[in-house]
């Protein structure tokens, strides 16, 4: 009879295994920052929402500042995914759909109202230069995406050649910030969509040549 060797027990990883879902904890922290902003969100608020203790938070995320910055990155990734605007052909359609999607996002009852980034800009302390720098970078990137799409509209002949692209991008960026603040104050989706319609009336008219081509192509 062949005698088999006893099975070798699997090696356990060093350190205590993490007893919580990191992604879920990060989502809960994001909700707290979204609701209260950076400064007003206390460690007690975060620990209670994330359902972990302080040593676990520090081990998984670092300090409160690092946790906040990761939550901001998660928030922006989610917003970009929701506002991807696929199948949109013109710059005007892209901007209008972006504002419409944000009107829905900012008033969704499944999470705090408004924009986490706007709340953060209003509540992040001046004593945290890293937070201010990251928020400024995120704001500049958002404006850059707006500017790039508007510039593409100019190059495609949808907008006049003399369109002030930076000014137009700043204008719609301000509309987005205003929509966030209005949502935070209790504005409805219908109210924000009214803002979108009014804002789109400021869109520059197409060049005369473009209008003529559109009339010719109309059956």
Protein backbone atom coordinates (compact mmCIF):
# COMPACT_ATOMS: atom_id res chain seq x y z
CA UNK A 1 0.00 0.00 0.00
CA UNK A 2 1.35 3.38 -1.01
CA UNK A 3 1.55 5.84 1.82
CA UNK A 4 0.80 9.38 0.69
CA UNK A 5 2.43 12.35 2.30
CA UNK A 6 0.11 14.64 4.20
CA UNK A 7 -0.95 17.75 2.26
CA UNK A 8 1.23 20.78 2.76
CA UNK A 9 -0.84 23.62 4.22
CA UNK A 10 -1.02 26.72 2.05
CA UNK A 11 1.14 29.58 3.20
CA UNK A 12 -0.77 32.43 4.67
CA UNK A 13 0.10 35.91 3.48
CA UNK A 14 1.93 38.03 5.98
CA UNK A 15 -0.09 40.53 7.90
CA UNK A 16 -3.74 40.46 8.79
CA UNK A 17 -6.12 40.09 5.81
CA UNK A 18 -8.19 43.17 5.01
CA UNK A 19 -11.64 42.63 6.46
CA UNK A 20 -13.51 45.08 4.24
CA UNK A 21 -14.16 45.85 0.59
CA UNK A 22 -11.84 48.72 -0.35
CA UNK A 23 -13.88 49.91 -3.33
CA UNK A 24 -17.06 49.90 -1.31
CA UNK A 25 -15.38 51.83 1.51
CA UNK A 26 -14.07 54.37 -1.00
CA UNK A 27 -17.53 54.85 -2.48
CA UNK A 28 -18.92 55.49 0.99
CA UNK A 29 -16.19 58.02 1.72
CA UNK A 30 -16.96 59.74 -1.59
CA UNK A 31 -20.58 60.11 -0.49
CA UNK A 32 -19.49 61.77 2.77
CA UNK A 33 -17.20 64.24 1.00
CA UNK A 34 -19.91 64.90 -1.58
CA UNK A 35 -22.42 65.70 1.13
CA UNK A 36 -20.22 67.69 3.53
CA UNK A 37 -17.24 68.88 1.53
CA UNK A 38 -13.64 68.34 2.54
CA UNK A 39 -13.25 70.33 5.72
CA UNK A 40 -16.62 69.53 7.31
CA UNK A 41 -16.21 65.78 6.80
CA UNK A 42 -14.73 64.60 10.09
CA UNK A 43 -12.76 61.41 10.60
CA UNK A 44 -15.65 60.17 12.74
CA UNK A 45 -18.05 60.76 9.82
CA UNK A 46 -15.77 58.89 7.45
CA UNK A 47 -15.09 55.95 9.74
CA UNK A 48 -18.79 55.51 10.51
CA UNK A 49 -19.77 55.62 6.82
CA UNK A 50 -16.93 53.35 5.70
CA UNK A 51 -17.57 50.94 8.59
CA UNK A 52 -13.91 50.56 9.41
CA UNK A 53 -11.58 51.67 12.19
CA UNK A 54 -8.88 54.31 12.01
CA UNK A 55 -5.91 51.91 11.63
CA UNK A 56 -7.65 50.22 8.67
CA UNK A 57 -8.31 53.57 7.01
CA UNK A 58 -4.71 54.70 7.38
CA UNK A 59 -3.38 51.35 6.16
CA UNK A 60 -5.63 51.26 3.08
CA UNK A 61 -5.79 54.91 2.07
CA UNK A 62 -3.26 56.95 4.03
CA UNK A 63 -4.57 60.08 5.70
CA UNK A 64 -7.79 62.03 5.19
CA UNK A 65 -6.24 64.14 2.43
CA UNK A 66 -5.14 61.09 0.43
CA UNK A 67 -8.57 59.51 0.90
CA UNK A 68 -10.26 62.66 -0.35
CA UNK A 69 -8.06 62.91 -3.43
CA UNK A 70 -8.78 59.28 -4.33
CA UNK A 71 -12.50 59.90 -3.81
CA UNK A 72 -12.33 62.91 -6.16
CA UNK A 73 -10.63 60.79 -8.81
CA UNK A 74 -13.34 58.13 -8.43
CA UNK A 75 -16.05 60.79 -8.74
CA UNK A 76 -14.60 62.30 -11.91
CA UNK A 77 -14.17 58.86 -13.50
CA UNK A 78 -17.84 58.11 -12.81
CA UNK A 79 -18.96 61.47 -14.23
CA UNK A 80 -16.89 61.02 -17.39
CA UNK A 81 -18.40 57.57 -17.90
CA UNK A 82 -21.96 58.88 -17.45
CA UNK A 83 -21.40 61.94 -19.66
CA UNK A 84 -19.49 60.21 -22.43
CA UNK A 85 -21.96 61.52 -25.05
CA UNK A 86 -21.47 58.74 -27.66
CA UNK A 87 -22.88 59.18 -31.14
CA UNK A 88 -22.90 62.98 -30.95
CA UNK A 89 -21.75 64.64 -34.17
CA UNK A 90 -21.60 68.39 -33.62
CA UNK A 91 -20.02 70.53 -30.93
CA UNK A 92 -23.38 72.08 -30.08
CA UNK A 93 -25.00 68.67 -29.63
CA UNK A 94 -22.08 67.58 -27.46
CA UNK A 95 -22.29 70.60 -25.14
CA UNK A 96 -26.07 70.43 -24.89
CA UNK A 97 -26.03 66.71 -24.10
CA UNK A 98 -23.27 67.23 -21.52
CA UNK A 99 -25.33 69.89 -19.72
CA UNK A 100 -28.44 67.71 -19.92
CA UNK A 101 -26.64 64.72 -18.42
CA UNK A 102 -25.23 66.88 -15.64
CA UNK A 103 -28.71 68.24 -14.87
CA UNK A 104 -29.78 64.64 -14.27
CA UNK A 105 -26.66 63.78 -12.26
CA UNK A 106 -26.83 66.85 -10.04
CA UNK A 107 -30.46 66.18 -9.04
CA UNK A 108 -30.30 62.39 -8.70
CA UNK A 109 -31.74 61.36 -5.34
CA UNK A 110 -29.46 58.32 -5.07
CA UNK A 111 -26.58 60.52 -3.93
CA UNK A 112 -25.94 64.05 -2.61
CA UNK A 113 -27.04 66.88 -4.89
CA UNK A 114 -24.73 68.97 -6.99
CA UNK A 115 -21.11 68.37 -7.95
CA UNK A 116 -18.56 66.97 -5.51
CA UNK A 117 -15.76 68.98 -7.12
CA UNK A 118 -17.65 72.28 -6.81
CA UNK A 119 -18.40 71.51 -3.16
CA UNK A 120 -14.77 70.66 -2.60
CA UNK A 121 -13.55 73.92 -4.14
CA UNK A 122 -15.82 75.81 -1.76
CA UNK A 123 -14.80 73.89 1.37
CA UNK A 124 -11.20 72.73 0.89
CA UNK A 125 -8.95 74.66 3.29
CA UNK A 126 -6.21 76.93 2.01
CA UNK A 127 -3.88 75.03 4.34
CA UNK A 128 -3.98 72.05 1.97
CA UNK A 129 -2.05 73.12 -1.13
CA UNK A 130 -2.10 69.58 -2.52
CA UNK A 131 -5.89 69.45 -2.45
CA UNK A 132 -6.13 72.89 -4.05
CA UNK A 133 -3.63 71.90 -6.73
CA UNK A 134 -5.44 68.67 -7.64
CA UNK A 135 -8.84 70.39 -7.73
CA UNK A 136 -7.41 73.13 -9.95
CA UNK A 137 -5.97 70.48 -12.28
CA UNK A 138 -9.32 68.68 -12.49
CA UNK A 139 -11.06 71.99 -13.23
CA UNK A 140 -8.52 72.84 -15.94
CA UNK A 141 -8.91 69.40 -17.51
CA UNK A 142 -12.69 69.76 -17.60
CA UNK A 143 -12.34 73.17 -19.23
CA UNK A 144 -9.81 71.69 -21.64
CA UNK A 145 -12.32 69.08 -22.80
CA UNK A 146 -14.93 71.78 -23.35
CA UNK A 147 -12.45 73.97 -25.19
CA UNK A 148 -11.23 71.12 -27.40
CA UNK A 149 -14.76 70.21 -28.50
CA UNK A 150 -15.65 73.83 -29.21
CA UNK A 151 -12.41 74.30 -31.15
CA UNK A 152 -13.26 71.21 -33.19
CA UNK A 153 -16.59 72.87 -33.99
CA UNK A 154 -14.72 75.90 -35.32
CA UNK A 155 -12.44 73.73 -37.45
CA UNK A 156 -15.42 71.77 -38.80
CA UNK A 157 -17.17 74.98 -39.85
CA UNK A 158 -19.97 74.69 -37.29
CA UNK A 159 -18.87 77.90 -35.59
CA UNK A 160 -17.52 81.17 -37.00
CA UNK A 161 -13.76 81.41 -37.36
CA UNK A 162 -13.69 84.38 -35.00
CA UNK A 163 -15.40 82.46 -32.17
CA UNK A 164 -13.72 83.23 -28.84
CA UNK A 165 -13.21 79.60 -27.89
CA UNK A 166 -11.78 80.24 -24.41
CA UNK A 167 -14.58 82.65 -23.52
CA UNK A 168 -17.23 80.19 -24.71
CA UNK A 169 -15.62 77.35 -22.72
CA UNK A 170 -15.50 79.56 -19.62
CA UNK A 171 -19.15 80.48 -20.10
CA UNK A 172 -20.37 76.88 -20.23
CA UNK A 173 -18.04 75.96 -17.38
CA UNK A 174 -19.71 78.69 -15.31
CA UNK A 175 -23.12 77.32 -16.30
CA UNK A 176 -22.09 73.89 -14.99
CA UNK A 177 -20.91 75.36 -11.67
CA UNK A 178 -24.12 77.38 -11.38
CA UNK A 179 -26.24 74.30 -12.08
CA UNK A 180 -24.42 72.46 -9.31
CA UNK A 181 -25.05 75.24 -6.79
CA UNK A 182 -28.69 75.52 -7.84
CA UNK A 183 -29.15 71.76 -7.44
CA UNK A 184 -27.54 71.94 -4.02
CA UNK A 185 -30.06 74.61 -3.06
CA UNK A 186 -32.94 72.36 -4.09
CA UNK A 187 -33.52 73.10 -7.78
CA UNK A 188 -35.29 70.36 -9.71
CA UNK A 189 -34.09 68.63 -12.85
CA UNK A 190 -36.76 70.54 -14.77
CA UNK A 191 -35.37 73.80 -13.43
CA UNK A 192 -31.82 72.88 -14.44
CA UNK A 193 -32.99 71.85 -17.91
CA UNK A 194 -34.49 75.32 -18.23
CA UNK A 195 -31.02 76.71 -17.51
CA UNK A 196 -29.60 74.43 -20.19
CA UNK A 197 -32.08 75.69 -22.79
CA UNK A 198 -31.33 79.30 -21.92
CA UNK A 199 -27.57 78.69 -22.02
CA UNK A 200 -27.76 77.07 -25.46
CA UNK A 201 -29.38 80.22 -26.85
CA UNK A 202 -25.98 81.85 -26.36
CA UNK A 203 -24.39 79.37 -28.77
CA UNK A 204 -22.97 81.30 -31.75
CA UNK A 205 -24.93 80.91 -35.00
CA UNK A 206 -23.44 78.80 -37.76
CA UNK A 207 -21.57 80.66 -40.50
CA UNK A 208 -23.70 81.75 -43.47
CA UNK A 209 -22.05 79.21 -45.78
CA UNK A 210 -22.87 76.42 -43.36
CA UNK A 211 -26.51 77.53 -43.15
CA UNK A 212 -26.77 77.59 -46.94
CA UNK A 213 -25.36 74.06 -47.18
CA UNK A 214 -27.87 72.87 -44.58
CA UNK A 215 -30.75 74.34 -46.60
CA UNK A 216 -29.55 72.69 -49.79
CA UNK A 217 -29.24 69.28 -48.11
CA UNK A 218 -32.73 69.50 -46.59
CA UNK A 219 -35.15 67.26 -48.66
